[in-house]
Amino acid sequence: MEYVKFGKTGLEVSRICLGCMTYGDPNKGTHAWSLKEEESRPLLRQAIEAGINFLDTANTYSNGSSEEIVGRAIKDFSRREDIVLATKVFNRMRPGPNGAGLSRKAIFDEIDNSLRRLGTDYVDLYQIHRWDYTTPIEETLEALHDVVKAGKARYIGASSMYAWQFAKAIYTSRLNGWTEFVSMQDHLNLLYREEEREMLPFCEDQKIAVIPWSPLARGRLTRDWDEATARTESDEFGKTLYTQALESDRKVVEAVGVIAKARGIARAQVATAWILQKSAVTAPIVGASKPGHIADAIASLAVKLTPEEIEALENPYVPHGVAGFK
């Protein structure tokens, strides 16, 4: 396993982050394709034993059960201090007022709920899952600063938003002497490259860690274009992400297949190697529902694409509208 500094912090993380949205009670929340605990634990153990020390989950994944499964796995398969544990806050966790969002009350309630489910006194990275248009960013940032000062989180990060919003949050923290976001978890893969316009250059300039979600485009980059899976049929959010430019997207998927066949490796390795060669990227967040998914993610670290291969993968792409947040 390779390890890198997390942006401009002193924190060291594995070059592959294990995304834990896959692990959770399929009868809770909106992820009917998620794996039950008995199916999840071998995969979590495999990742940890392979040297992946960076695990990312969220309070909303399978209505909190992902955090519970991940927390128990860390306790059983590792030492807490050896794991960089990340979770998120924003999405609705209960009906009624204050059950979602980034108000001071919501953040204080949800960090405690996450810590209880995870079975830990702190998380290493506490992230806002989306931008909250109903709460002043100053309220959110001061609350997150207080969470860090209380010892409940070591660092704070953000996820999918416009680059101007992220820049506003950064300079607002600096103006007030509050804890700054050290990472951006954004939507980036061969089928969605809009983050290359503003977000990636901004993060690279400011030395902010970039940890892209869906690096394999919900698995579309790992199989033939017309091949369906149980997840593609039931993943309602995923259905909203890759419908804008079907013809060009198909050509990208085909290019991945050609390169993978020529090299004699899995398509997932090609797609992950592409994102790893982006200078702004710290660690892609890879989901894994089978042992081979973890093996392919780790193997991708050794795949160095040639300039000609990168050109072949990128040439079919056409501009997309914003997908993954609004």
C-alpha atoms as a PDB file:
ATOM      1  CA  MET A   1       0.000   0.000   0.000  1.00  0.00           C
ATOM      2  CA  GLU A   2       1.109   3.564  -0.690  1.00  0.00           C
ATOM      3  CA  TYR A   3       0.515   6.361   1.813  1.00  0.00           C
ATOM      4  CA  VAL A   4       0.390  10.118   1.224  1.00  0.00           C
ATOM      5  CA  LYS A   5      -0.076  13.270   3.251  1.00  0.00           C
ATOM      6  CA  PHE A   6      -3.665  14.449   3.427  1.00  0.00           C
ATOM      7  CA  GLY A   7      -3.434  17.802   1.687  1.00  0.00           C
ATOM      8  CA  LYS A   8      -1.367  20.255   3.711  1.00  0.00           C
ATOM      9  CA  THR A   9      -1.962  18.405   6.982  1.00  0.00           C
ATOM     10  CA  GLY A  10       0.425  15.998   8.661  1.00  0.00           C
ATOM     11  CA  LEU A  11      -2.134  13.192   8.438  1.00  0.00           C
ATOM     12  CA  GLU A  12      -1.105  10.142   6.410  1.00  0.00           C
ATOM     13  CA  VAL A  13      -3.716   8.167   4.486  1.00  0.00           C
ATOM     14  CA  SER A  14      -3.653   5.182   2.179  1.00  0.00           C
ATOM     15  CA  ARG A  15      -3.737   6.074  -1.510  1.00  0.00           C
ATOM     16  CA  ILE A  16      -7.019   4.150  -1.717  1.00  0.00           C
ATOM     17  CA  CYS A  17      -9.936   5.056   0.540  1.00  0.00           C
ATOM     18  CA  LEU A  18     -12.579   2.414   1.168  1.00  0.00           C
ATOM     19  CA  GLY A  19     -16.053   3.825   0.636  1.00  0.00           C
ATOM     20  CA  CYS A  20     -18.446   2.242   3.114  1.00  0.00           C
ATOM     21  CA  MET A  21     -21.808   3.163   1.607  1.00  0.00           C
ATOM     22  CA  THR A  22     -21.923  -0.461   0.400  1.00  0.00           C
ATOM     23  CA  TYR A  23     -22.093  -1.740   3.976  1.00  0.00           C
ATOM     24  CA  GLY A  24     -25.395  -1.337   5.774  1.00  0.00           C
ATOM     25  CA  ASP A  25     -28.776  -2.854   6.497  1.00  0.00           C
ATOM     26  CA  PRO A  26     -30.573  -3.028   3.100  1.00  0.00           C
ATOM     27  CA  ASN A  27     -33.888  -2.647   4.909  1.00  0.00           C
ATOM     28  CA  LYS A  28     -32.904   0.771   6.264  1.00  0.00           C
ATOM     29  CA  GLY A  29     -32.581   3.943   4.244  1.00  0.00           C
ATOM     30  CA  THR A  30     -32.580   4.000   0.442  1.00  0.00           C
ATOM     31  CA  HIS A  31     -29.735   1.590  -0.428  1.00  0.00           C
ATOM     32  CA  ALA A  32     -31.543  -1.681  -1.072  1.00  0.00           C
ATOM     33  CA  TRP A  33     -28.343  -3.002  -2.699  1.00  0.00           C
ATOM     34  CA  SER A  34     -26.192  -2.590   0.441  1.00  0.00           C
ATOM     35  CA  LEU A  35     -24.602  -5.613   2.134  1.00  0.00           C
ATOM     36  CA  LYS A  36     -25.646  -6.939   5.512  1.00  0.00           C
ATOM     37  CA  GLU A  37     -23.098  -7.017   8.302  1.00  0.00           C
ATOM     38  CA  GLU A  38     -22.141 -10.667   7.857  1.00  0.00           C
ATOM     39  CA  GLU A  39     -21.373  -9.954   4.182  1.00  0.00           C
ATOM     40  CA  SER A  40     -19.627  -6.659   4.903  1.00  0.00           C
ATOM     41  CA  ARG A  41     -17.181  -7.757   7.565  1.00  0.00           C
ATOM     42  CA  PRO A  42     -14.932  -9.950   5.373  1.00  0.00           C
ATOM     43  CA  LEU A  43     -14.520  -7.065   2.922  1.00  0.00           C
ATOM     44  CA  LEU A  44     -13.708  -4.560   5.640  1.00  0.00           C
ATOM     45  CA  ARG A  45     -11.206  -6.981   7.104  1.00  0.00           C
ATOM     46  CA  GLN A  46      -9.628  -7.594   3.699  1.00  0.00           C
ATOM     47  CA  ALA A  47      -9.191  -3.869   3.124  1.00  0.00           C
ATOM     48  CA  ILE A  48      -7.712  -3.190   6.552  1.00  0.00           C
ATOM     49  CA  GLU A  49      -5.332  -6.140   6.357  1.00  0.00           C
ATOM     50  CA  ALA A  50      -4.234  -4.977   2.898  1.00  0.00           C
ATOM     51  CA  GLY A  51      -3.125  -1.671   4.404  1.00  0.00           C
ATOM     52  CA  ILE A  52      -6.099   0.535   3.586  1.00  0.00           C
ATOM     53  CA  ASN A  53      -6.244   2.764   6.661  1.00  0.00           C
ATOM     54  CA  PHE A  54      -8.762   5.295   5.315  1.00  0.00           C
ATOM     55  CA  LEU A  55     -12.482   4.457   5.666  1.00  0.00           C
ATOM     56  CA  ASP A  56     -15.281   6.803   4.619  1.00  0.00           C
ATOM     57  CA  THR A  57     -18.913   6.511   5.676  1.00  0.00           C
ATOM     58  CA  ALA A  58     -21.812   8.863   6.514  1.00  0.00           C
ATOM     59  CA  ASN A  59     -24.593   9.149   9.042  1.00  0.00           C
ATOM     60  CA  THR A  60     -27.195   8.791   6.308  1.00  0.00           C
ATOM     61  CA  TYR A  61     -25.855   5.569   4.756  1.00  0.00           C
ATOM     62  CA  SER A  62     -28.460   2.879   5.414  1.00  0.00           C
ATOM     63  CA  ASN A  63     -29.926   5.143   8.070  1.00  0.00           C
ATOM     64  CA  GLY A  64     -26.901   4.924  10.362  1.00  0.00           C
ATOM     65  CA  SER A  65     -26.302   1.195  10.121  1.00  0.00           C
ATOM     66  CA  SER A  66     -23.215   1.691   7.932  1.00  0.00           C
ATOM     67  CA  GLU A  67     -21.548   3.559  10.778  1.00  0.00           C
ATOM     68  CA  GLU A  68     -22.472   0.772  13.183  1.00  0.00           C
ATOM     69  CA  ILE A  69     -21.009  -1.933  10.951  1.00  0.00           C
ATOM     70  CA  VAL A  70     -17.840   0.037  10.254  1.00  0.00           C
ATOM     71  CA  GLY A  71     -17.343   0.861  13.919  1.00  0.00           C
ATOM     72  CA  ARG A  72     -17.567  -2.770  14.994  1.00  0.00           C
ATOM     73  CA  ALA A  73     -15.237  -3.862  12.199  1.00  0.00           C
ATOM     74  CA  ILE A  74     -12.572  -1.346  13.248  1.00  0.00           C
ATOM     75  CA  LYS A  75     -12.783  -2.568  16.832  1.00  0.00           C
ATOM     76  CA  ASP A  76     -12.415  -6.201  15.765  1.00  0.00           C
ATOM     77  CA  PHE A  77      -9.889  -5.935  12.932  1.00  0.00           C
ATOM     78  CA  SER A  78      -7.602  -3.040  13.845  1.00  0.00           C
ATOM     79  CA  ARG A  79      -6.519  -0.546  16.448  1.00  0.00           C
ATOM     80  CA  ARG A  80      -8.534   2.663  16.421  1.00  0.00           C
ATOM     81  CA  GLU A  81      -5.382   4.793  16.224  1.00  0.00           C
ATOM     82  CA  ASP A  82      -4.326   3.017  13.033  1.00  0.00           C
ATOM     83  CA  ILE A  83      -7.503   3.971  11.160  1.00  0.00           C
ATOM     84  CA  VAL A  84      -8.368   7.292   9.547  1.00  0.00           C
ATOM     85  CA  LEU A  85     -12.132   7.322  10.000  1.00  0.00           C
ATOM     86  CA  ALA A  86     -14.347   9.748   8.102  1.00  0.00           C
ATOM     87  CA  THR A  87     -18.070  10.370   8.269  1.00  0.00           C
ATOM     88  CA  LYS A  88     -20.504  13.069   7.158  1.00  0.00           C
ATOM     89  CA  VAL A  89     -23.434  15.242   8.202  1.00  0.00           C
ATOM     90  CA  PHE A  90     -26.238  17.043   6.327  1.00  0.00           C
ATOM     91  CA  ASN A  91     -28.868  14.625   5.024  1.00  0.00           C
ATOM     92  CA  ARG A  92     -32.099  13.935   6.848  1.00  0.00           C
ATOM     93  CA  MET A  93     -31.831  11.518   9.756  1.00  0.00           C
ATOM     94  CA  ARG A  94     -35.275  11.924  11.270  1.00  0.00           C
ATOM     95  CA  PRO A  95     -38.580  13.615  10.346  1.00  0.00           C
ATOM     96  CA  GLY A  96     -39.521  17.056  11.547  1.00  0.00           C
ATOM     97  CA  PRO A  97     -37.625  20.252  12.372  1.00  0.00           C
ATOM     98  CA  ASN A  98     -33.833  20.027  12.843  1.00  0.00           C
ATOM     99  CA  GLY A  99     -33.663  16.481  11.519  1.00  0.00           C
ATOM    100  CA  ALA A 100     -31.311  17.488   8.715  1.00  0.00           C
ATOM    101  CA  GLY A 101     -29.042  20.288   7.580  1.00  0.00           C
ATOM    102  CA  LEU A 102     -26.007  22.091   8.948  1.00  0.00           C
ATOM    103  CA  SER A 103     -27.371  24.237  11.755  1.00  0.00           C
ATOM    104  CA  ARG A 104     -25.460  24.365  15.012  1.00  0.00           C
ATOM    105  CA  LYS A 105     -28.093  22.160  16.617  1.00  0.00           C
ATOM    106  CA  ALA A 106     -28.052  19.583  13.810  1.00  0.00           C
ATOM    107  CA  ILE A 107     -24.258  19.354  13.775  1.00  0.00           C
ATOM    108  CA  PHE A 108     -23.962  18.990  17.548  1.00  0.00           C
ATOM    109  CA  ASP A 109     -26.700  16.344  17.640  1.00  0.00           C
ATOM    110  CA  GLU A 110     -25.396  14.382  14.672  1.00  0.00           C
ATOM    111  CA  ILE A 111     -21.728  14.261  15.664  1.00  0.00           C
ATOM    112  CA  ASP A 112     -22.762  12.668  18.960  1.00  0.00           C
ATOM    113  CA  ASN A 113     -25.077  10.235  17.181  1.00  0.00           C
ATOM    114  CA  SER A 114     -22.319   9.267  14.736  1.00  0.00           C
ATOM    115  CA  LEU A 115     -19.786   8.743  17.513  1.00  0.00           C
ATOM    116  CA  ARG A 116     -22.260   6.534  19.372  1.00  0.00           C
ATOM    117  CA  ARG A 117     -22.922   4.401  16.306  1.00  0.00           C
ATOM    118  CA  LEU A 118     -19.235   4.195  15.413  1.00  0.00           C
ATOM    119  CA  GLY A 119     -18.292   3.301  18.988  1.00  0.00           C
ATOM    120  CA  THR A 120     -15.499   5.872  19.162  1.00  0.00           C
ATOM    121  CA  ASP A 121     -14.704   9.111  20.949  1.00  0.00           C
ATOM    122  CA  TYR A 122     -13.701  10.962  17.776  1.00  0.00           C
ATOM    123  CA  VAL A 123     -13.642  10.831  13.996  1.00  0.00           C
ATOM    124  CA  ASP A 124     -10.568  11.806  12.073  1.00  0.00           C
ATOM    125  CA  LEU A 125     -12.481  13.635   9.350  1.00  0.00           C
ATOM    126  CA  TYR A 126     -15.939  15.164   9.745  1.00  0.00           C
ATOM    127  CA  GLN A 127     -17.421  16.291   6.436  1.00  0.00           C
ATOM    128  CA  ILE A 128     -20.430  18.307   5.363  1.00  0.00           C
ATOM    129  CA  HIS A 129     -22.227  16.114   2.843  1.00  0.00           C
ATOM    130  CA  ARG A 130     -23.634  19.003   0.807  1.00  0.00           C
ATOM    131  CA  TRP A 131     -24.025  22.794   0.991  1.00  0.00           C
ATOM    132  CA  ASP A 132     -26.912  23.936   3.197  1.00  0.00           C
ATOM    133  CA  TYR A 133     -28.707  26.809   1.488  1.00  0.00           C
ATOM    134  CA  THR A 134     -30.932  27.390   4.539  1.00  0.00           C
ATOM    135  CA  THR A 135     -28.185  27.939   7.129  1.00  0.00           C
ATOM    136  CA  PRO A 136     -25.592  30.750   7.142  1.00  0.00           C
ATOM    137  CA  ILE A 137     -22.183  29.305   6.360  1.00  0.00           C
ATOM    138  CA  GLU A 138     -20.806  31.219   9.353  1.00  0.00           C
ATOM    139  CA  GLU A 139     -23.061  29.218  11.689  1.00  0.00           C
ATOM    140  CA  THR A 140     -21.984  25.941  10.131  1.00  0.00           C
ATOM    141  CA  LEU A 141     -18.272  26.738  10.198  1.00  0.00           C
ATOM    142  CA  GLU A 142     -18.232  27.955  13.801  1.00  0.00           C
ATOM    143  CA  ALA A 143     -20.127  24.840  14.892  1.00  0.00           C
ATOM    144  CA  LEU A 144     -17.615  22.616  13.076  1.00  0.00           C
ATOM    145  CA  HIS A 145     -14.758  24.566  14.665  1.00  0.00           C
ATOM    146  CA  ASP A 146     -16.289  23.891  18.082  1.00  0.00           C
ATOM    147  CA  VAL A 147     -16.628  20.182  17.253  1.00  0.00           C
ATOM    148  CA  VAL A 148     -12.899  20.076  16.528  1.00  0.00           C
ATOM    149  CA  LYS A 149     -12.009  22.042  19.667  1.00  0.00           C
ATOM    150  CA  ALA A 150     -14.160  19.659  21.705  1.00  0.00           C
ATOM    151  CA  GLY A 151     -11.999  16.781  20.458  1.00  0.00           C
ATOM    152  CA  LYS A 152     -14.817  15.058  18.615  1.00  0.00           C
ATOM    153  CA  ALA A 153     -13.167  15.480  15.187  1.00  0.00           C
ATOM    154  CA  ARG A 154      -9.534  15.925  14.190  1.00  0.00           C
ATOM    155  CA  TYR A 155     -10.152  17.590  10.828  1.00  0.00           C
ATOM    156  CA  ILE A 156     -13.110  18.844   8.805  1.00  0.00           C
ATOM    157  CA  GLY A 157     -13.874  18.423   5.121  1.00  0.00           C
ATOM    158  CA  ALA A 158     -16.563  19.145   2.550  1.00  0.00           C
ATOM    159  CA  SER A 159     -18.270  17.312  -0.290  1.00  0.00           C
ATOM    160  CA  SER A 160     -19.823  18.199  -3.639  1.00  0.00           C
ATOM    161  CA  MET A 161     -20.576  21.888  -4.083  1.00  0.00           C
ATOM    162  CA  TYR A 162     -19.698  24.733  -6.429  1.00  0.00           C
ATOM    163  CA  ALA A 163     -16.103  25.921  -6.283  1.00  0.00           C
ATOM    164  CA  TRP A 164     -17.238  29.441  -5.334  1.00  0.00           C
ATOM    165  CA  GLN A 165     -19.059  28.019  -2.319  1.00  0.00           C
ATOM    166  CA  PHE A 166     -16.005  26.081  -1.204  1.00  0.00           C
ATOM    167  CA  ALA A 167     -13.806  29.156  -1.653  1.00  0.00           C
ATOM    168  CA  LYS A 168     -16.296  31.208   0.368  1.00  0.00           C
ATOM    169  CA  ALA A 169     -16.164  28.661   3.190  1.00  0.00           C
ATOM    170  CA  ILE A 170     -12.367  28.655   3.201  1.00  0.00           C
ATOM    171  CA  TYR A 171     -11.971  32.419   3.358  1.00  0.00           C
ATOM    172  CA  THR A 172     -14.776  32.765   5.927  1.00  0.00           C
ATOM    173  CA  SER A 173     -12.915  30.379   8.225  1.00  0.00           C
ATOM    174  CA  ARG A 174      -9.681  32.301   7.723  1.00  0.00           C
ATOM    175  CA  LEU A 175     -11.339  35.636   8.457  1.00  0.00           C
ATOM    176  CA  ASN A 176     -12.679  34.311  11.750  1.00  0.00           C
ATOM    177  CA  GLY A 177      -9.786  32.125  12.838  1.00  0.00           C
ATOM    178  CA  TRP A 178     -11.896  28.986  12.645  1.00  0.00           C
ATOM    179  CA  THR A 179     -10.795  25.480  11.660  1.00  0.00           C
ATOM    180  CA  GLU A 180     -10.576  25.223   7.868  1.00  0.00           C
ATOM    181  CA  PHE A 181     -11.761  22.483   5.550  1.00  0.00           C
ATOM    182  CA  VAL A 182      -8.762  20.337   4.625  1.00  0.00           C
ATOM    183  CA  SER A 183     -10.452  18.141   2.010  1.00  0.00           C
ATOM    184  CA  MET A 184     -12.968  18.067  -0.807  1.00  0.00           C
ATOM    185  CA  GLN A 185     -14.916  14.895  -1.590  1.00  0.00           C
ATOM    186  CA  ASP A 186     -16.202  15.556  -5.084  1.00  0.00           C
ATOM    187  CA  HIS A 187     -17.698  13.710  -8.032  1.00  0.00           C
ATOM    188  CA  LEU A 188     -14.941  12.790 -10.478  1.00  0.00           C
ATOM    189  CA  ASN A 189     -14.430   9.960 -12.962  1.00  0.00           C
ATOM    190  CA  LEU A 190     -13.960   9.367 -16.692  1.00  0.00           C
ATOM    191  CA  LEU A 191     -17.679   9.951 -17.292  1.00  0.00           C
ATOM    192  CA  TYR A 192     -17.880  13.129 -15.199  1.00  0.00           C
ATOM    193  CA  ARG A 193     -14.909  15.495 -15.386  1.00  0.00           C
ATOM    194  CA  GLU A 194     -16.505  18.870 -14.728  1.00  0.00           C
ATOM    195  CA  GLU A 195     -14.505  19.245 -11.492  1.00  0.00           C
ATOM    196  CA  GLU A 196     -11.417  19.729 -13.653  1.00  0.00           C
ATOM    197  CA  ARG A 197     -12.646  23.240 -14.512  1.00  0.00           C
ATOM    198  CA  GLU A 198     -12.581  24.968 -11.121  1.00  0.00           C
ATOM    199  CA  MET A 199     -12.563  22.656  -8.117  1.00  0.00           C
ATOM    200  CA  LEU A 200      -9.420  20.652  -8.839  1.00  0.00           C
ATOM    201  CA  PRO A 201      -7.263  23.699  -9.664  1.00  0.00           C
ATOM    202  CA  PHE A 202      -8.517  25.494  -6.558  1.00  0.00           C
ATOM    203  CA  CYS A 203      -7.789  22.536  -4.305  1.00  0.00           C
ATOM    204  CA  GLU A 204      -4.363  22.014  -5.811  1.00  0.00           C
ATOM    205  CA  ASP A 205      -3.495  25.685  -5.391  1.00  0.00           C
ATOM    206  CA  GLN A 206      -4.646  25.671  -1.756  1.00  0.00           C
ATOM    207  CA  LYS A 207      -3.112  22.245  -1.020  1.00  0.00           C
ATOM    208  CA  ILE A 208      -6.501  20.791  -0.118  1.00  0.00           C
ATOM    209  CA  ALA A 209      -6.872  17.007  -0.279  1.00  0.00           C
ATOM    210  CA  VAL A 210      -9.179  15.698  -3.016  1.00  0.00           C
ATOM    211  CA  ILE A 211     -10.936  12.388  -2.369  1.00  0.00           C
ATOM    212  CA  PRO A 212     -13.305  11.745  -5.301  1.00  0.00           C
ATOM    213  CA  TRP A 213     -16.453   9.698  -4.892  1.00  0.00           C
ATOM    214  CA  SER A 214     -17.721   7.298  -7.558  1.00  0.00           C
ATOM    215  CA  PRO A 215     -14.343   6.963  -9.340  1.00  0.00           C
ATOM    216  CA  LEU A 216     -15.783   4.028 -11.309  1.00  0.00           C
ATOM    217  CA  ALA A 217     -19.019   5.866 -12.184  1.00  0.00           C
ATOM    218  CA  ARG A 218     -21.201   3.529 -10.135  1.00  0.00           C
ATOM    219  CA  GLY A 219     -19.500   0.587 -11.853  1.00  0.00           C
ATOM    220  CA  ARG A 220     -20.293   1.738 -15.395  1.00  0.00           C
ATOM    221  CA  LEU A 221     -16.590   1.932 -16.191  1.00  0.00           C
ATOM    222  CA  THR A 222     -16.014  -1.688 -15.135  1.00  0.00           C
ATOM    223  CA  ARG A 223     -18.306  -3.550 -17.546  1.00  0.00           C
ATOM    224  CA  ASP A 224     -19.835  -3.482 -21.005  1.00  0.00           C
ATOM    225  CA  TRP A 225     -22.075  -0.500 -21.649  1.00  0.00           C
ATOM    226  CA  ASP A 226     -25.323  -2.481 -21.857  1.00  0.00           C
ATOM    227  CA  GLU A 227     -24.606  -4.769 -18.906  1.00  0.00           C
ATOM    228  CA  ALA A 228     -26.892  -4.195 -15.909  1.00  0.00           C
ATOM    229  CA  THR A 229     -26.509  -5.170 -12.261  1.00  0.00           C
ATOM    230  CA  ALA A 230     -28.793  -5.338  -9.254  1.00  0.00           C
ATOM    231  CA  ARG A 231     -27.383  -2.017  -8.116  1.00  0.00           C
ATOM    232  CA  THR A 232     -27.985  -0.224 -11.409  1.00  0.00           C
ATOM    233  CA  GLU A 233     -31.600  -1.333 -11.238  1.00  0.00           C
ATOM    234  CA  SER A 234     -32.180  -0.146  -7.667  1.00  0.00           C
ATOM    235  CA  ASP A 235     -29.768   2.793  -7.237  1.00  0.00           C
ATOM    236  CA  GLU A 236     -32.136   5.741  -7.692  1.00  0.00           C
ATOM    237  CA  PHE A 237     -29.463   8.378  -7.088  1.00  0.00           C
ATOM    238  CA  GLY A 238     -27.104   6.634  -9.489  1.00  0.00           C
ATOM    239  CA  LYS A 239     -29.746   6.801 -12.225  1.00  0.00           C
ATOM    240  CA  THR A 240     -29.565  10.606 -12.110  1.00  0.00           C
ATOM    241  CA  LEU A 241     -25.822  10.839 -12.708  1.00  0.00           C
ATOM    242  CA  TYR A 242     -24.991   9.420 -16.128  1.00  0.00           C
ATOM    243  CA  THR A 243     -27.803  10.163 -18.558  1.00  0.00           C
ATOM    244  CA  GLN A 244     -26.677  13.395 -20.232  1.00  0.00           C
ATOM    245  CA  ALA A 245     -24.252  12.286 -22.937  1.00  0.00           C
ATOM    246  CA  LEU A 246     -24.898   8.622 -23.586  1.00  0.00           C
ATOM    247  CA  GLU A 247     -23.096   8.352 -26.910  1.00  0.00           C
ATOM    248  CA  SER A 248     -19.849   9.953 -25.742  1.00  0.00           C
ATOM    249  CA  ASP A 249     -20.024   8.103 -22.433  1.00  0.00           C
ATOM    250  CA  ARG A 250     -20.362   4.832 -24.325  1.00  0.00           C
ATOM    251  CA  LYS A 251     -17.185   5.642 -26.258  1.00  0.00           C
ATOM    252  CA  VAL A 252     -15.313   6.314 -23.013  1.00  0.00           C
ATOM    253  CA  VAL A 253     -16.451   2.983 -21.569  1.00  0.00           C
ATOM    254  CA  GLU A 254     -15.369   1.237 -24.762  1.00  0.00           C
ATOM    255  CA  ALA A 255     -11.939   2.899 -24.585  1.00  0.00           C
ATOM    256  CA  VAL A 256     -11.508   1.604 -21.048  1.00  0.00           C
ATOM    257  CA  GLY A 257     -12.319  -1.883 -22.284  1.00  0.00           C
ATOM    258  CA  VAL A 258      -9.827  -1.685 -25.142  1.00  0.00           C
ATOM    259  CA  ILE A 259      -6.966  -0.593 -22.884  1.00  0.00           C
ATOM    260  CA  ALA A 260      -7.837  -3.159 -20.216  1.00  0.00           C
ATOM    261  CA  LYS A 261      -7.877  -5.956 -22.794  1.00  0.00           C
ATOM    262  CA  ALA A 262      -4.575  -4.854 -24.309  1.00  0.00           C
ATOM    263  CA  ARG A 263      -2.926  -4.769 -20.882  1.00  0.00           C
ATOM    264  CA  GLY A 264      -4.594  -7.933 -19.634  1.00  0.00           C
ATOM    265  CA  ILE A 265      -6.010  -6.225 -16.550  1.00  0.00           C
ATOM    266  CA  ALA A 266      -9.452  -5.437 -15.160  1.00  0.00           C
ATOM    267  CA  ARG A 267     -11.278  -2.355 -16.427  1.00  0.00           C
ATOM    268  CA  ALA A 268     -11.535  -1.098 -12.858  1.00  0.00           C
ATOM    269  CA  GLN A 269      -7.750  -0.891 -12.724  1.00  0.00           C
ATOM    270  CA  VAL A 270      -7.651   1.283 -15.832  1.00  0.00           C
ATOM    271  CA  ALA A 271     -10.371   3.654 -14.601  1.00  0.00           C
ATOM    272  CA  THR A 272      -8.818   3.955 -11.144  1.00  0.00           C
ATOM    273  CA  ALA A 273      -5.329   4.444 -12.582  1.00  0.00           C
ATOM    274  CA  TRP A 274      -6.685   7.337 -14.639  1.00  0.00           C
ATOM    275  CA  ILE A 275      -7.997   9.148 -11.579  1.00  0.00           C
ATOM    276  CA  LEU A 276      -4.845   8.399  -9.575  1.00  0.00           C
ATOM    277  CA  GLN A 277      -2.686  10.138 -12.187  1.00  0.00           C
ATOM    278  CA  LYS A 278      -4.534  13.421 -11.573  1.00  0.00           C
ATOM    279  CA  SER A 279      -2.055  15.550  -9.618  1.00  0.00           C
ATOM    280  CA  ALA A 280      -4.774  17.069  -7.428  1.00  0.00           C
ATOM    281  CA  VAL A 281      -6.192  13.711  -6.319  1.00  0.00           C
ATOM    282  CA  THR A 282      -5.145  12.356  -2.919  1.00  0.00           C
ATOM    283  CA  ALA A 283      -7.151   9.127  -2.681  1.00  0.00           C
ATOM    284  CA  PRO A 284     -10.196   7.985  -4.668  1.00  0.00           C
ATOM    285  CA  ILE A 285     -13.028   6.543  -2.594  1.00  0.00           C
ATOM    286  CA  VAL A 286     -13.599   3.034  -3.904  1.00  0.00           C
ATOM    287  CA  GLY A 287     -16.648   0.966  -3.016  1.00  0.00           C
ATOM    288  CA  ALA A 288     -16.272  -2.801  -2.811  1.00  0.00           C
ATOM    289  CA  SER A 289     -18.962  -5.471  -2.715  1.00  0.00           C
ATOM    290  CA  LYS A 290     -16.638  -8.322  -3.747  1.00  0.00           C
ATOM    291  CA  PRO A 291     -13.066  -9.243  -2.765  1.00  0.00           C
ATOM    292  CA  GLY A 292     -11.935  -8.617  -6.328  1.00  0.00           C
ATOM    293  CA  HIS A 293     -12.992  -4.991  -6.108  1.00  0.00           C
ATOM    294  CA  ILE A 294     -10.503  -4.348  -3.327  1.00  0.00           C
ATOM    295  CA  ALA A 295      -7.801  -6.308  -5.117  1.00  0.00           C
ATOM    296  CA  ASP A 296      -8.346  -4.315  -8.312  1.00  0.00           C
ATOM    297  CA  ALA A 297      -8.243  -0.992  -6.450  1.00  0.00           C
ATOM    298  CA  ILE A 298      -4.909  -1.867  -4.873  1.00  0.00           C
ATOM    299  CA  ALA A 299      -3.521  -3.253  -8.142  1.00  0.00           C
ATOM    300  CA  SER A 300      -4.364   0.027  -9.880  1.00  0.00           C
ATOM    301  CA  LEU A 301      -1.605   1.728  -7.882  1.00  0.00           C
ATOM    302  CA  ALA A 302       0.934  -0.073 -10.043  1.00  0.00           C
ATOM    303  CA  VAL A 303      -0.769   0.813 -13.347  1.00  0.00           C
ATOM    304  CA  LYS A 304       0.912   3.768 -15.028  1.00  0.00           C
ATOM    305  CA  LEU A 305      -1.043   4.865 -18.077  1.00  0.00           C
ATOM    306  CA  THR A 306       0.849   6.202 -21.060  1.00  0.00           C
ATOM    307  CA  PRO A 307       0.072   9.650 -22.518  1.00  0.00           C
ATOM    308  CA  GLU A 308      -1.458   7.888 -25.521  1.00  0.00           C
ATOM    309  CA  GLU A 309      -3.737   5.807 -23.297  1.00  0.00           C
ATOM    310  CA  ILE A 310      -4.824   8.866 -21.333  1.00  0.00           C
ATOM    311  CA  GLU A 311      -5.610  10.666 -24.586  1.00  0.00           C
ATOM    312  CA  ALA A 312      -7.667   7.699 -25.797  1.00  0.00           C
ATOM    313  CA  LEU A 313      -9.653   7.685 -22.554  1.00  0.00           C
ATOM    314  CA  GLU A 314     -10.251  11.428 -22.477  1.00  0.00           C
ATOM    315  CA  ASN A 315     -10.872  12.287 -26.143  1.00  0.00           C
ATOM    316  CA  PRO A 316     -14.497  11.068 -26.377  1.00  0.00           C
ATOM    317  CA  TYR A 317     -15.612  13.175 -23.400  1.00  0.00           C
ATOM    318  CA  VAL A 318     -18.022  16.067 -23.937  1.00  0.00           C
ATOM    319  CA  PRO A 319     -19.078  18.703 -21.367  1.00  0.00           C
ATOM    320  CA  HIS A 320     -21.734  17.642 -18.875  1.00  0.00           C
ATOM    321  CA  GLY A 321     -24.126  19.628 -16.744  1.00  0.00           C
ATOM    322  CA  VAL A 322     -23.717  19.546 -12.976  1.00  0.00           C
ATOM    323  CA  ALA A 323     -24.468  16.075 -11.612  1.00  0.00           C
ATOM    324  CA  GLY A 324     -24.345  14.921  -8.019  1.00  0.00           C
ATOM    325  CA  PHE A 325     -25.448  18.170  -6.371  1.00  0.00           C
ATOM    326  CA  LYS A 326     -27.385  21.343  -7.079  1.00  0.00           C
END
